[in-house]
Amino acid sequence: MQATVHRFDPDDGSGVVLLDTGRALPFSPEVFAGSELRHLRLGQRVSVQVTPADPEDPAARVERLWIVGIGAGEAIR
């Protein structure tokens, strides 16, 4: 699923993404650290994995964040 970076704190690695539906979902410093990225910029498009799978579920959270083609196992297609 695609999202847009809405907020990012480079000091602790936390932030918020906006899903294409307009819903804002926060991500933790641990999720950012697992992405193997060094920085995110506002407005940047990213791929996210949300748990549970329904992003409109009130308990939804970002479990994984990445940019296609960057990081281990991410081939550019």
Protein backbone atom coordinates (compact mmCIF):
# COMPACT_ATOMS: atom_id res chain seq x y z
CA MET A 1 0.00 0.00 0.00
CA GLN A 2 1.27 3.49 -0.80
CA ALA A 3 1.38 6.46 1.57
CA THR A 4 2.86 9.95 1.79
CA VAL A 5 5.17 11.16 4.57
CA HIS A 6 3.21 13.75 6.55
CA ARG A 7 5.58 14.25 9.50
CA PHE A 8 9.04 12.93 10.33
CA ASP A 9 11.25 13.56 13.37
CA PRO A 10 14.85 12.85 12.31
CA ASP A 11 15.99 12.96 15.93
CA ASP A 12 14.02 9.91 17.05
CA GLY A 13 12.85 8.37 13.74
CA SER A 14 9.12 8.59 14.43
CA GLY A 15 6.59 10.05 12.07
CA VAL A 16 3.18 9.99 10.45
CA VAL A 17 2.15 8.87 6.98
CA LEU A 18 -1.04 9.75 5.13
CA LEU A 19 -2.71 6.87 3.36
CA ASP A 20 -4.31 7.61 -0.01
CA THR A 21 -7.67 7.53 1.80
CA GLY A 22 -6.56 10.55 3.86
CA ARG A 23 -6.13 8.59 7.08
CA ALA A 24 -3.06 9.49 9.13
CA LEU A 25 -1.15 6.62 10.70
CA PRO A 26 1.88 7.09 12.96
CA PHE A 27 5.00 4.96 12.75
CA SER A 28 7.45 4.26 15.54
CA PRO A 29 11.21 4.75 15.60
CA GLU A 30 11.54 0.95 15.43
CA VAL A 31 9.60 0.83 12.15
CA PHE A 32 11.83 3.54 10.68
CA ALA A 33 15.01 1.79 11.89
CA GLY A 34 13.82 -1.44 10.25
CA SER A 35 13.39 0.38 6.93
CA GLU A 36 17.17 0.82 6.55
CA LEU A 37 16.49 4.37 5.36
CA ARG A 38 18.50 7.29 6.71
CA HIS A 39 15.98 10.10 6.25
CA LEU A 40 12.49 10.84 4.97
CA ARG A 41 11.25 14.11 3.53
CA LEU A 42 7.75 15.52 3.80
CA GLY A 43 5.65 14.60 0.78
CA GLN A 44 7.80 11.58 -0.06
CA ARG A 45 5.92 8.52 -1.31
CA VAL A 46 6.60 5.31 0.58
CA SER A 47 5.21 1.80 0.71
CA VAL A 48 3.73 0.66 4.02
CA GLN A 49 2.45 -2.55 5.49
CA VAL A 50 -0.39 -1.99 7.93
CA THR A 51 -1.59 -4.34 10.67
CA PRO A 52 -4.39 -5.36 10.77
CA ALA A 53 -4.71 -5.51 6.99
CA ASP A 54 -7.72 -3.15 6.96
CA PRO A 55 -6.19 0.34 7.27
CA GLU A 56 -9.55 1.76 8.37
CA ASP A 57 -9.57 -0.47 11.46
CA PRO A 58 -9.15 1.82 14.52
CA ALA A 59 -6.31 -0.43 15.75
CA ALA A 60 -4.38 -0.14 12.45
CA ARG A 61 -0.71 0.69 12.73
CA VAL A 62 2.26 0.86 10.38
CA GLU A 63 4.24 -2.36 10.74
CA ARG A 64 6.72 -1.84 7.89
CA LEU A 65 7.84 1.14 5.83
CA TRP A 66 10.06 1.09 2.74
CA ILE A 67 10.85 2.63 -0.62
CA VAL A 68 10.73 0.17 -3.51
CA GLY A 69 14.27 -0.56 -4.65
CA ILE A 70 16.00 0.58 -1.44
CA GLY A 71 17.14 -1.85 1.22
CA ALA A 72 17.83 -5.55 1.52
CA GLY A 73 15.78 -7.65 -0.87
CA GLU A 74 14.22 -4.63 -2.60
CA ALA A 75 14.92 -4.90 -6.30
CA ILE A 76 13.96 -2.01 -8.57
CA ARG A 77 11.28 -3.25 -10.95
